[in-house]
Structures are given as structure tokens and as C-alpha cells.
Protein backbone atom coordinates (compact mmCIF):
# COMPACT_ATOMS: atom_id res chain seq x y z
CA MET A 1 -28.49 -5.52 8.48
CA PRO A 2 -27.58 -2.23 10.13
CA GLU A 3 -28.15 1.03 8.26
CA VAL A 4 -24.91 2.42 6.65
CA THR A 5 -24.25 6.10 6.40
CA ASN A 6 -21.44 7.78 4.10
CA SER A 7 -19.58 8.35 7.41
CA ASP A 8 -19.17 4.65 7.82
CA PHE A 9 -16.87 4.21 4.82
CA GLU A 10 -13.52 4.34 6.43
CA VAL A 11 -10.29 3.90 4.49
CA GLY A 12 -6.73 4.46 5.61
CA VAL A 13 -3.19 3.65 5.32
CA GLY A 14 -0.60 1.88 7.53
CA LEU A 15 3.01 2.71 7.54
CA GLN A 16 6.14 0.95 8.95
CA PRO A 17 8.92 3.64 8.73
CA SER A 18 12.07 2.09 7.10
CA LYS A 19 14.16 3.15 10.23
CA ASN A 20 11.83 0.66 12.38
CA ASP A 21 12.16 -2.10 9.72
CA SER A 22 14.60 -4.75 11.05
CA VAL A 23 13.84 -7.43 8.55
CA HIS A 24 13.87 -5.65 5.26
CA HIS A 25 15.22 -2.25 6.01
CA MET A 26 12.88 -0.54 3.43
CA GLY A 27 9.75 0.07 5.48
CA HIS A 28 6.26 -0.75 4.37
CA PHE A 29 3.10 1.17 3.20
CA TRP A 30 -0.43 -0.30 2.89
CA ILE A 31 -3.92 0.49 2.44
CA ARG A 32 -6.55 -0.78 4.92
CA TRP A 33 -10.27 -0.42 5.10
CA ILE A 34 -13.09 -1.34 7.48
CA ASN A 35 -16.05 -3.22 6.09
CA PRO A 36 -19.01 -1.12 7.04
CA PHE A 37 -21.38 -4.13 7.22
CA THR A 38 -19.06 -6.66 9.23
CA GLY A 39 -16.48 -4.41 10.92
CA GLU A 40 -13.87 -6.47 9.28
CA VAL A 41 -10.43 -4.86 8.44
CA SER A 42 -8.79 -5.58 5.07
CA HIS A 43 -5.28 -4.85 3.89
CA ARG A 44 -3.92 -4.42 0.58
CA GLY A 45 -0.17 -4.16 -0.17
CA TYR A 46 1.98 -3.67 -3.11
CA TRP A 47 5.10 -6.01 -3.68
CA PRO A 48 7.57 -7.10 -6.17
CA VAL A 49 7.29 -10.47 -7.70
CA LEU A 50 10.41 -12.04 -5.86
CA ASP A 51 10.86 -14.95 -8.46
CA ASP A 52 11.70 -12.05 -11.02
CA LEU A 53 14.85 -11.28 -9.00
CA PRO A 54 18.27 -12.73 -9.70
CA ALA A 55 19.11 -15.93 -7.76
CA GLY A 56 21.45 -15.49 -4.81
CA LEU A 57 20.68 -11.97 -3.71
CA THR A 58 21.30 -11.07 -0.22
CA LYS A 59 18.64 -8.93 1.87
CA ASP A 60 20.94 -5.87 1.25
CA ASP A 61 21.50 -6.93 -2.51
CA THR A 62 17.54 -7.24 -2.97
CA ARG A 63 17.12 -3.69 -1.72
CA ASP A 64 19.64 -2.22 -4.07
CA TYR A 65 18.33 -4.19 -6.88
CA LEU A 66 14.83 -2.95 -6.28
CA CYS A 67 16.19 0.61 -6.08
CA ASN A 68 17.84 0.40 -9.41
CA ASN A 69 15.76 -2.21 -11.52
CA LYS A 70 12.21 -3.31 -11.95
CA VAL A 71 10.43 -6.53 -11.66
CA ARG A 72 6.89 -7.50 -12.23
CA GLY A 73 4.56 -6.08 -9.23
CA LEU A 74 1.58 -7.38 -7.47
CA PHE A 75 -1.01 -6.43 -5.02
CA LYS A 76 -2.01 -8.80 -2.45
CA ILE A 77 -3.89 -9.35 0.85
CA ASP A 78 -1.09 -7.76 2.99
CA THR A 79 -0.60 -10.17 5.91
CA ALA A 80 2.67 -8.10 6.59
CA GLY A 81 0.72 -5.06 7.14
CA TYR A 82 -1.67 -6.87 9.26
CA GLU A 83 1.09 -8.47 11.40
CA ILE A 84 2.94 -5.01 11.72
CA GLU A 85 -0.33 -3.60 13.15
CA LYS A 86 -0.79 -6.38 15.54
CA ASN A 87 2.77 -6.80 16.63
CA GLU A 88 4.75 -3.54 15.92
CA PRO A 89 4.23 -0.51 18.42
CA THR A 90 6.11 1.84 16.17
CA HIS A 91 3.81 1.47 13.07
CA LYS A 92 1.54 4.42 12.33
CA LYS A 93 -2.04 4.40 10.76
CA MET A 94 -4.23 7.13 9.47
CA HIS A 95 -8.00 6.97 8.06
CA TRP A 96 -10.34 9.26 6.32
CA SER A 97 -14.12 8.94 5.59
CA PHE A 98 -14.73 8.25 2.09
CA THR A 99 -17.84 8.64 0.14
CA GLU A 100 -19.60 5.27 -0.65
CA ARG A 101 -18.76 5.76 -4.40
CA ALA A 102 -15.05 6.16 -3.61
CA PHE A 103 -15.11 3.35 -1.12
CA MET A 104 -16.66 1.02 -3.68
CA HIS A 105 -14.13 2.43 -6.38
CA LEU A 106 -11.25 1.49 -4.22
CA THR A 107 -12.35 -1.92 -2.87
CA LEU A 108 -14.21 -3.22 -5.89
CA TRP A 109 -11.81 -1.71 -8.52
CA HIS A 110 -8.21 -0.94 -7.23
CA CYS A 111 -8.02 -3.53 -4.68
CA LYS A 112 -10.29 -6.20 -5.83
CA LEU A 113 -8.70 -9.60 -6.19
CA PRO A 114 -9.97 -12.55 -8.29
CA ASP A 115 -12.17 -14.96 -6.30
CA GLY A 116 -10.23 -17.18 -4.29
CA ALA A 117 -6.93 -15.32 -4.99
CA SER A 118 -4.73 -13.69 -2.54
CA PHE A 119 -2.79 -11.62 -5.05
CA LYS A 120 -3.11 -10.07 -8.65
CA LEU A 121 -0.17 -9.18 -10.82
CA SER A 122 -0.33 -5.67 -11.60
CA GLY A 123 2.39 -3.24 -13.23
CA ASN A 124 6.05 -3.10 -12.40
CA TYR A 125 7.61 -2.75 -9.21
CA SER A 126 10.78 -0.50 -8.43
CA CYS A 127 11.66 1.96 -5.56
CA SER A 128 13.76 4.07 -8.40
CA GLU A 129 12.16 7.43 -8.71
CA LYS A 130 13.89 7.54 -12.28
CA LEU A 131 12.03 4.49 -13.53
CA HIS A 132 8.92 5.67 -14.95
CA ASN A 133 5.84 3.42 -14.97
CA THR A 134 6.77 1.52 -11.83
CA ASP A 135 5.42 1.62 -8.37
CA ASN A 136 6.52 0.78 -4.92
CA CYS A 137 4.36 0.13 -2.00
CA SER A 138 3.64 3.76 -1.17
CA SER A 139 3.24 5.16 -4.67
CA TRP A 140 0.83 2.18 -5.67
CA ALA A 141 -1.24 3.01 -2.59
CA ILE A 142 -1.46 6.78 -2.95
CA LYS A 143 -2.36 6.47 -6.69
CA ALA A 144 -5.25 4.00 -5.82
CA LEU A 145 -6.51 6.33 -3.13
CA ARG A 146 -6.15 9.61 -5.34
CA ALA A 147 -8.10 7.69 -8.12
CA ALA A 148 -10.83 6.28 -5.87
CA ARG A 149 -11.49 9.81 -4.68
CA LYS A 150 -11.02 11.66 -7.91
CA GLU A 151 -8.67 13.96 -6.21
CA PRO A 152 -5.15 14.05 -7.84
CA SER A 153 -3.86 16.09 -4.89
CA PHE A 154 -5.08 13.97 -2.20
CA ILE A 155 -2.06 13.02 0.20
CA HIS A 156 -0.04 15.96 -1.36
CA CYS A 157 3.37 14.59 -1.65
CA ASP A 158 5.76 15.11 -4.63
CA ARG A 159 7.89 12.00 -3.71
CA ILE A 160 5.28 9.42 -3.16
CA LYS A 161 7.92 6.53 -3.60
CA ARG A 162 9.91 7.78 -0.59
CA LEU A 163 8.50 6.92 2.73
CA LYS A 164 10.01 9.61 4.64
CA PHE A 165 8.29 12.10 2.27
CA VAL A 166 5.06 10.27 2.58
CA GLU A 167 5.14 10.09 6.30
CA GLU A 168 5.84 13.69 6.54
CA ALA A 169 2.90 14.50 4.23
CA ILE A 170 0.47 12.46 6.10
CA TRP A 171 1.37 12.73 9.86
CA GLY A 172 3.47 15.83 9.68
């Protein structure tokens, strides 16, 4: 087994800006990390439980509903983030070196899925900044990264539910 050093604990994020999201028109933000032992890249994202939405909503209605209401949320293996990285040249990525402790805290606590599961129910999802105790993809990811690093100001952004503000905070 290769020797692993603290500089080998790479954690990052991916972003598809909403202006480039031709499917949902909401954009997407996810956590990604590289396993220092295997080199495998893992992705986690936060999503609404779609079964909680009222029946018959169009894509535009779904977006409006999620911007004004809350539903149960879940984090999961983010196949959408993986596919965006693989196929969309307009996506953005950023990574940081984490300490081993912060890396383990993130991957084995905040993003850990039960054995054999591809998702885990967690909290409530909403894009509304007025609905407290809710997250969307970017606020969930930033809160998890901040908690793992024990740095409340990591990715300094006051509006972590708005991708354009998150994008500016990370990429300038």
C-alpha cells in the first residue's frame, strides 16, 4: 500500500451554473473527493425527495415549488455531478488539501452512506432563503465542508443557497 501524506487528502466541489443548466434551469453544486489509496473520485450531492412534490408539476412549476416550499432532502452518490464533469465543458471544479482528520470527518460522517445504499434521507430541501432549517445543494455542501474543517468561514459566502454568490466566492 502506498504511503499517504496529509497533502494527499484532496476534497473539492463541482458547479454547473444555472445559466448552463438546460435540463432543470437551477444549476447544481456537489462535493467530490479523491480516495488517497485508490485514486477513485467520489461525488455527493443534496437533492429533494421528488416523491414529496405535488403530482403533475411541470419542470418550471417544480423549480417554483422548491423555491417557495420545503420537502424532505437526501444526500446521495451524485451521478449527475459525475456526468456533468464527464460531459459538460461549462462546469467548474475547485479542490483543497484537507487534513486527514477533516477528510475522514467529511467522508465518514457527513457524506457516509449506509452499506449498499446510494442515498440517505437528511433534513429538508428548499431553495428559499426565508425557510430556515432547510438546505439546497450548495448550502448542504458548504455546511458539510465547514463542519469537517471546523472552519465556519471556509468558503466565505453569506448567501450559500444562491449559486451565483457561491460561484463568486469560490472562483471570483
